[in-house]
Amino acid sequence: MNDKYQNVLITGGAGRLGRYLYTEFKEQGYQVSLFDQKAPSEQPFPWEMPRGTMFIRGDLTNLGDMMRAITLSRATLVVHVAAITHSTDMQPGRGFPQMLPEDTTMRVNVMGTYVVLDACRRLGVKKVVFASSYYAIGVGGMINRAKPFEVKYLPIDEEHPLFNQDTYGLSKQLGEIMLEAYSRAYGIKCVAFRLMGVSYPGIRPIGTDEKLPEAPRDWKGGPIGTTFQYSDCRDIAYAMRLAADQDLDNDYECFFHSSDTTFRGPTAPAIKLLYPDLALLADGIEGEDGLCSSKKLKTLLGYESKFSWKKDLAATE
């Protein structure tokens, strides 16, 4: 535990991912408080909040609520994972029913992140850890298929150009920009994690395929819309705790986070089968590493994935 950041406030802390963040930080000796609109028992995936845990109910986009939460929790570190996890604006031809007002993603994700950062600078919070997404680079949510995500090189790292089209990816990109700006202006240590699709215990990651690359999926080719990677919630909590434990040289850092790929075997042959247009670039990927590289995360924070569906599968073979 880093004593400078002993008091941790988790936004979205009562949610599904918040549960694992709470456990990781609490077990490592941090004093953890939770901020959310609903208590853990009221969530779609309810859980029992340990006795004595401080839960603060509030609106992420309300500066007063956020300042109250930071003050009550005496937070010196905010782990900001509260977000709308998809685009809520309607797109012609997609056929999805409208469940929320169209501006919800941008209003909650962008204004919410601004409110978190502004409350932190007003109250002297020293570090912010942020849940971004690999969508921030433009891989998912493509609207104009005539202008798909353009892969410049493989593996994709944190310096790769961004080609966003949808509001969810854009909201995460803007969140990263705000973190970098606040770190520059106020010296707040800020760390952004570009998470892959989040996986939870007992459920295989979406799209897992035991037979790749020997027997590829029925489809292949076309614009890249996924990286065939995922982030286990326990690995996310572990990586974010590592970011809390360590002060890096730069006030702002951004990392891709991945637990594993969703297929077995080396990545390059599978990508050549799934995305033939990337065949010449695929040889740049080593072994079973993903299209989006976690090398920087491993190098600077010492992260190594602890959880993988492949390990679970191997244990039963």
Protein backbone atom coordinates (compact mmCIF):
# COMPACT_ATOMS: atom_id res chain seq x y z
CA MET A 1 0.00 0.00 0.00
CA ASN A 2 1.15 3.53 -0.80
CA ASP A 3 0.50 5.57 2.37
CA LYS A 4 0.03 8.76 0.33
CA TYR A 5 -3.12 7.28 -1.22
CA GLN A 6 -4.43 5.27 1.73
CA ASN A 7 -7.96 6.68 1.46
CA VAL A 8 -9.56 5.57 -1.82
CA LEU A 9 -12.89 6.68 -3.29
CA ILE A 10 -14.28 4.48 -6.07
CA THR A 11 -16.86 6.06 -8.38
CA GLY A 12 -19.30 3.47 -9.67
CA GLY A 13 -18.03 1.58 -6.65
CA ALA A 14 -21.28 -0.26 -5.96
CA GLY A 15 -21.37 -1.77 -9.44
CA ARG A 16 -20.18 -5.11 -10.75
CA LEU A 17 -16.57 -4.02 -11.36
CA GLY A 18 -16.58 -1.90 -8.21
CA ARG A 19 -17.06 -5.03 -6.13
CA TYR A 20 -13.71 -6.44 -7.28
CA LEU A 21 -11.94 -3.11 -6.94
CA TYR A 22 -13.24 -2.85 -3.38
CA THR A 23 -11.92 -6.32 -2.53
CA GLU A 24 -8.49 -5.76 -4.10
CA PHE A 25 -7.85 -2.40 -2.42
CA LYS A 26 -9.30 -3.46 0.94
CA GLU A 27 -7.19 -6.62 1.06
CA GLN A 28 -4.09 -4.53 0.41
CA GLY A 29 -4.75 -2.29 3.39
CA TYR A 30 -6.45 0.71 1.76
CA GLN A 31 -9.38 2.52 3.36
CA VAL A 32 -12.08 2.23 0.69
CA SER A 33 -15.25 4.31 0.21
CA LEU A 34 -17.84 3.84 -2.53
CA PHE A 35 -19.70 6.48 -4.56
CA ASP A 36 -22.70 5.55 -6.72
CA GLN A 37 -26.31 6.35 -7.48
CA LYS A 38 -27.43 3.00 -6.07
CA ALA A 39 -26.14 0.92 -3.18
CA PRO A 40 -24.57 -2.50 -3.85
CA SER A 41 -27.80 -4.26 -2.79
CA GLU A 42 -29.77 -2.23 -5.38
CA GLN A 43 -27.54 -3.06 -8.36
CA PRO A 44 -28.44 -5.38 -11.27
CA PHE A 45 -25.71 -7.68 -9.89
CA PRO A 46 -26.24 -7.07 -6.16
CA TRP A 47 -23.60 -7.79 -3.55
CA GLU A 48 -23.30 -7.39 0.20
CA MET A 49 -21.25 -4.40 1.25
CA PRO A 50 -19.07 -5.27 4.25
CA ARG A 51 -20.16 -3.74 7.54
CA GLY A 52 -18.53 -0.39 8.24
CA THR A 53 -17.91 0.48 4.56
CA MET A 54 -18.68 4.09 3.71
CA PHE A 55 -21.19 4.32 0.85
CA ILE A 56 -21.99 7.79 -0.49
CA ARG A 57 -25.01 8.16 -2.73
CA GLY A 58 -24.77 10.84 -5.40
CA ASP A 59 -24.86 11.99 -9.00
CA LEU A 60 -21.58 11.70 -10.92
CA THR A 61 -22.31 14.88 -12.88
CA ASN A 62 -23.05 16.98 -9.78
CA LEU A 63 -19.97 18.81 -8.51
CA GLY A 64 -21.45 19.24 -5.05
CA ASP A 65 -22.11 15.52 -4.71
CA MET A 66 -18.57 14.67 -5.81
CA MET A 67 -16.96 17.21 -3.50
CA ARG A 68 -19.08 15.89 -0.62
CA ALA A 69 -17.95 12.33 -1.40
CA ILE A 70 -14.27 13.28 -1.50
CA THR A 71 -14.59 15.27 1.72
CA LEU A 72 -16.44 12.55 3.64
CA SER A 73 -14.08 9.80 2.46
CA ARG A 74 -10.98 12.01 2.95
CA ALA A 75 -9.85 10.58 -0.38
CA THR A 76 -6.35 11.21 -1.69
CA LEU A 77 -6.97 8.77 -4.56
CA VAL A 78 -10.05 8.48 -6.77
CA VAL A 79 -10.58 5.35 -8.87
CA HIS A 80 -13.06 6.50 -11.51
CA VAL A 81 -14.90 3.62 -13.17
CA ALA A 82 -18.46 5.02 -13.23
CA ALA A 83 -19.64 5.32 -16.84
CA ILE A 84 -22.25 4.51 -19.44
CA THR A 85 -20.67 1.55 -21.24
CA HIS A 86 -22.19 2.04 -24.70
CA SER A 87 -23.37 4.73 -27.09
CA THR A 88 -26.89 5.95 -26.36
CA ASP A 89 -27.39 8.06 -29.49
CA MET A 90 -29.57 6.47 -32.17
CA GLN A 91 -27.89 5.47 -35.43
CA PRO A 92 -29.90 4.91 -38.65
CA GLY A 93 -30.13 1.27 -39.65
CA ARG A 94 -28.93 -0.19 -36.36
CA GLY A 95 -32.39 -1.07 -35.12
CA PHE A 96 -31.66 -0.84 -31.40
CA PRO A 97 -34.50 0.36 -29.14
CA GLN A 98 -33.88 3.66 -27.39
CA MET A 99 -33.46 2.99 -23.66
CA LEU A 100 -31.91 6.26 -22.50
CA PRO A 101 -31.89 9.88 -23.73
CA GLU A 102 -29.54 10.19 -26.69
CA ASP A 103 -27.10 12.52 -24.94
CA THR A 104 -26.65 10.23 -21.92
CA THR A 105 -23.28 8.74 -22.88
CA MET A 106 -21.64 12.07 -23.59
CA ARG A 107 -23.27 13.85 -20.65
CA VAL A 108 -22.43 11.19 -18.05
CA ASN A 109 -19.03 10.08 -19.33
CA VAL A 110 -17.60 13.43 -20.38
CA MET A 111 -19.18 15.75 -17.84
CA GLY A 112 -18.84 13.09 -15.14
CA THR A 113 -15.11 12.80 -15.72
CA TYR A 114 -14.77 16.59 -15.77
CA VAL A 115 -16.65 16.82 -12.44
CA VAL A 116 -14.43 14.14 -10.88
CA LEU A 117 -11.26 15.91 -11.99
CA ASP A 118 -12.45 19.37 -11.00
CA ALA A 119 -13.53 18.18 -7.55
CA CYS A 120 -10.12 16.52 -7.18
CA ARG A 121 -8.18 19.67 -8.00
CA ARG A 122 -10.38 21.76 -5.68
CA LEU A 123 -9.89 19.40 -2.74
CA GLY A 124 -6.26 18.41 -3.27
CA VAL A 125 -6.69 14.78 -4.40
CA LYS A 126 -3.27 13.58 -5.48
CA LYS A 127 -4.08 10.78 -7.95
CA VAL A 128 -6.88 9.66 -10.31
CA VAL A 129 -7.08 6.20 -11.89
CA PHE A 130 -9.53 6.09 -14.82
CA ALA A 131 -11.30 3.26 -16.63
CA SER A 132 -10.99 4.10 -20.31
CA SER A 133 -11.60 1.60 -23.12
CA TYR A 134 -9.94 0.22 -26.21
CA TYR A 135 -12.89 1.86 -27.99
CA ALA A 136 -11.01 5.12 -27.43
CA ILE A 137 -8.81 4.32 -30.41
CA GLY A 138 -11.79 3.78 -32.72
CA VAL A 139 -11.72 -0.01 -33.10
CA GLY A 140 -15.37 -0.45 -32.13
CA GLY A 141 -18.54 1.44 -32.92
CA MET A 142 -17.77 2.12 -36.55
CA ILE A 143 -20.61 4.06 -38.18
CA ASN A 144 -19.12 5.01 -41.56
CA ARG A 145 -18.03 1.65 -42.98
CA ALA A 146 -16.44 3.45 -45.92
CA LYS A 147 -13.91 4.88 -43.44
CA PRO A 148 -13.10 1.98 -41.08
CA PHE A 149 -10.51 1.87 -38.36
CA GLU A 150 -7.10 2.01 -40.03
CA VAL A 151 -4.42 -0.21 -38.53
CA LYS A 152 -1.07 1.53 -38.98
CA TYR A 153 1.02 -1.19 -37.36
CA LEU A 154 0.79 -4.25 -35.12
CA PRO A 155 0.74 -4.66 -32.25
CA ILE A 156 -1.25 -1.51 -31.57
CA ASP A 157 0.31 0.49 -28.74
CA GLU A 158 -0.62 3.64 -26.84
CA GLU A 159 0.95 5.87 -29.54
CA HIS A 160 -1.25 4.52 -32.35
CA PRO A 161 -3.45 7.16 -34.06
CA LEU A 162 -7.09 7.36 -32.98
CA PHE A 163 -9.99 7.05 -35.45
CA ASN A 164 -13.15 7.46 -33.36
CA GLN A 165 -16.64 7.50 -34.82
CA ASP A 166 -19.06 6.66 -31.99
CA THR A 167 -19.96 8.62 -28.87
CA TYR A 168 -18.82 5.94 -26.42
CA GLY A 169 -15.31 5.75 -27.87
CA LEU A 170 -15.21 9.53 -28.19
CA SER A 171 -16.27 9.98 -24.56
CA LYS A 172 -13.36 7.81 -23.44
CA GLN A 173 -10.91 9.62 -25.69
CA LEU A 174 -12.08 12.95 -24.25
CA GLY A 175 -11.72 11.52 -20.76
CA GLU A 176 -8.09 10.66 -21.47
CA ILE A 177 -7.49 14.16 -22.83
CA MET A 178 -8.98 15.71 -19.69
CA LEU A 179 -6.82 13.53 -17.43
CA GLU A 180 -3.69 14.59 -19.28
CA ALA A 181 -4.73 18.25 -19.10
CA TYR A 182 -5.43 18.15 -15.36
CA SER A 183 -2.17 16.35 -14.68
CA ARG A 184 -0.33 19.03 -16.64
CA ALA A 185 -2.14 21.94 -15.01
CA TYR A 186 -2.37 20.79 -11.40
CA GLY A 187 0.21 18.04 -11.02
CA ILE A 188 -2.43 15.39 -10.25
CA LYS A 189 -1.06 11.93 -10.99
CA CYS A 190 -3.44 10.45 -13.57
CA VAL A 191 -3.48 6.92 -15.01
CA ALA A 192 -5.87 5.75 -17.74
CA PHE A 193 -6.49 2.08 -18.48
CA ARG A 194 -7.85 1.18 -21.91
CA LEU A 195 -9.80 -1.92 -20.92
CA MET A 196 -10.85 -4.64 -23.32
CA GLY A 197 -14.31 -6.19 -22.91
CA VAL A 198 -14.69 -6.88 -19.19
CA SER A 199 -15.12 -10.52 -18.15
CA TYR A 200 -16.38 -11.82 -14.80
CA PRO A 201 -15.76 -15.10 -12.92
CA GLY A 202 -17.80 -18.09 -14.02
CA ILE A 203 -18.56 -16.68 -17.47
CA ARG A 204 -16.34 -17.25 -20.47
CA PRO A 205 -15.27 -14.10 -22.33
CA ILE A 206 -17.48 -13.33 -25.32
CA GLY A 207 -16.19 -14.92 -28.52
CA THR A 208 -13.88 -17.51 -26.98
CA ASP A 209 -12.83 -20.15 -29.49
CA GLU A 210 -10.81 -23.19 -28.45
CA LYS A 211 -9.98 -24.26 -32.02
CA LEU A 212 -8.34 -21.16 -33.48
CA PRO A 213 -6.08 -20.86 -35.37
CA GLU A 214 -6.46 -24.39 -36.77
CA ALA A 215 -10.18 -23.94 -37.53
CA PRO A 216 -11.11 -20.28 -37.94
CA ARG A 217 -14.54 -18.80 -37.37
CA ASP A 218 -16.99 -18.89 -40.25
CA TRP A 219 -16.29 -15.25 -41.09
CA LYS A 220 -13.06 -13.52 -41.90
CA GLY A 221 -11.97 -10.31 -43.53
CA GLY A 222 -13.68 -6.94 -43.49
CA PRO A 223 -12.87 -3.94 -41.28
CA ILE A 224 -11.40 -4.66 -37.87
CA GLY A 225 -14.10 -4.30 -35.23
CA THR A 226 -12.61 -6.23 -32.32
CA THR A 227 -9.17 -7.19 -31.08
CA PHE A 228 -10.18 -10.66 -29.76
CA GLN A 229 -8.97 -9.69 -26.29
CA TYR A 230 -10.65 -9.23 -22.93
CA SER A 231 -9.93 -7.91 -19.42
CA ASP A 232 -10.78 -10.03 -16.40
CA CYS A 233 -12.33 -7.90 -13.63
CA ARG A 234 -9.84 -9.29 -11.10
CA ASP A 235 -6.90 -8.41 -13.34
CA ILE A 236 -8.32 -4.90 -13.76
CA ALA A 237 -8.55 -4.46 -10.00
CA TYR A 238 -4.99 -5.75 -9.62
CA ALA A 239 -3.61 -3.41 -12.31
CA MET A 240 -5.41 -0.39 -10.87
CA ARG A 241 -4.07 -1.20 -7.42
CA LEU A 242 -0.56 -1.39 -8.89
CA ALA A 243 -1.14 2.09 -10.30
CA ALA A 244 -2.13 3.27 -6.83
CA ASP A 245 0.95 1.73 -5.25
CA GLN A 246 3.45 3.35 -7.59
CA ASP A 247 4.19 6.93 -8.64
CA LEU A 248 5.46 6.90 -12.21
CA ASP A 249 7.88 9.46 -13.62
CA ASN A 250 5.21 11.09 -15.80
CA ASP A 251 2.19 12.69 -14.17
CA TYR A 252 -0.03 11.14 -16.88
CA GLU A 253 0.18 7.64 -18.31
CA CYS A 254 -2.17 5.62 -20.50
CA PHE A 255 -2.08 1.82 -20.71
CA PHE A 256 -3.79 -0.87 -22.73
CA HIS A 257 -5.04 -3.55 -20.34
CA SER A 258 -5.64 -7.14 -21.41
CA SER A 259 -5.91 -10.45 -19.61
CA ASP A 260 -5.66 -12.67 -22.69
CA THR A 261 -6.93 -13.31 -26.20
CA THR A 262 -10.22 -15.11 -26.81
CA PHE A 263 -8.61 -17.94 -28.80
CA ARG A 264 -5.94 -20.51 -28.08
CA GLY A 265 -2.52 -20.57 -29.63
CA PRO A 266 -0.29 -17.90 -31.17
CA THR A 267 -1.91 -14.68 -32.28
CA ALA A 268 -0.25 -14.00 -35.64
CA PRO A 269 -1.61 -17.10 -37.47
CA ALA A 270 -5.11 -16.46 -36.09
CA ILE A 271 -5.10 -12.84 -37.22
CA LYS A 272 -3.98 -13.87 -40.71
CA LEU A 273 -7.05 -16.11 -40.86
CA LEU A 274 -9.49 -13.64 -39.33
CA TYR A 275 -8.18 -10.46 -40.97
CA PRO A 276 -6.26 -11.36 -44.15
CA ASP A 277 -5.65 -7.68 -44.89
CA LEU A 278 -3.47 -7.53 -41.76
CA ALA A 279 -1.37 -10.57 -42.65
CA LEU A 280 1.77 -8.58 -43.42
CA LEU A 281 1.52 -6.70 -40.12
CA ALA A 282 0.58 -9.68 -37.96
CA ASP A 283 4.13 -11.02 -37.75
CA GLY A 284 4.92 -8.08 -35.45
CA ILE A 285 2.88 -9.77 -32.70
CA GLU A 286 4.90 -12.10 -30.51
CA GLY A 287 3.51 -15.42 -29.31
CA GLU A 288 0.09 -15.14 -27.72
CA ASP A 289 0.22 -11.37 -27.19
CA GLY A 290 -2.82 -9.41 -28.39
CA LEU A 291 -3.44 -6.95 -31.20
CA CYS A 292 -3.35 -4.23 -28.56
CA SER A 293 -0.11 -4.52 -26.63
CA SER A 294 0.13 -4.59 -22.83
CA LYS A 295 3.91 -4.31 -23.00
CA LYS A 296 3.97 -0.80 -21.53
CA LEU A 297 1.76 -1.88 -18.63
CA LYS A 298 4.01 -4.85 -17.92
CA THR A 299 7.18 -2.76 -18.18
CA LEU A 300 6.17 0.27 -16.09
CA LEU A 301 3.86 -1.32 -13.51
CA GLY A 302 5.09 -4.91 -13.45
CA TYR A 303 1.64 -6.21 -14.41
CA GLU A 304 1.13 -9.84 -15.40
CA SER A 305 -2.31 -11.36 -15.92
CA LYS A 306 -3.35 -13.69 -13.12
CA PHE A 307 -6.59 -14.94 -14.64
CA SER A 308 -7.35 -16.56 -17.99
CA TRP A 309 -10.09 -18.78 -19.40
CA LYS A 310 -7.29 -20.80 -21.01
CA LYS A 311 -5.81 -21.63 -17.60
CA ASP A 312 -9.25 -22.70 -16.36
CA LEU A 313 -9.74 -24.85 -19.46
CA ALA A 314 -6.30 -26.44 -19.13
CA ALA A 315 -7.08 -27.38 -15.55
CA THR A 316 -10.03 -29.51 -16.73
CA GLU A 317 -8.22 -31.25 -19.60
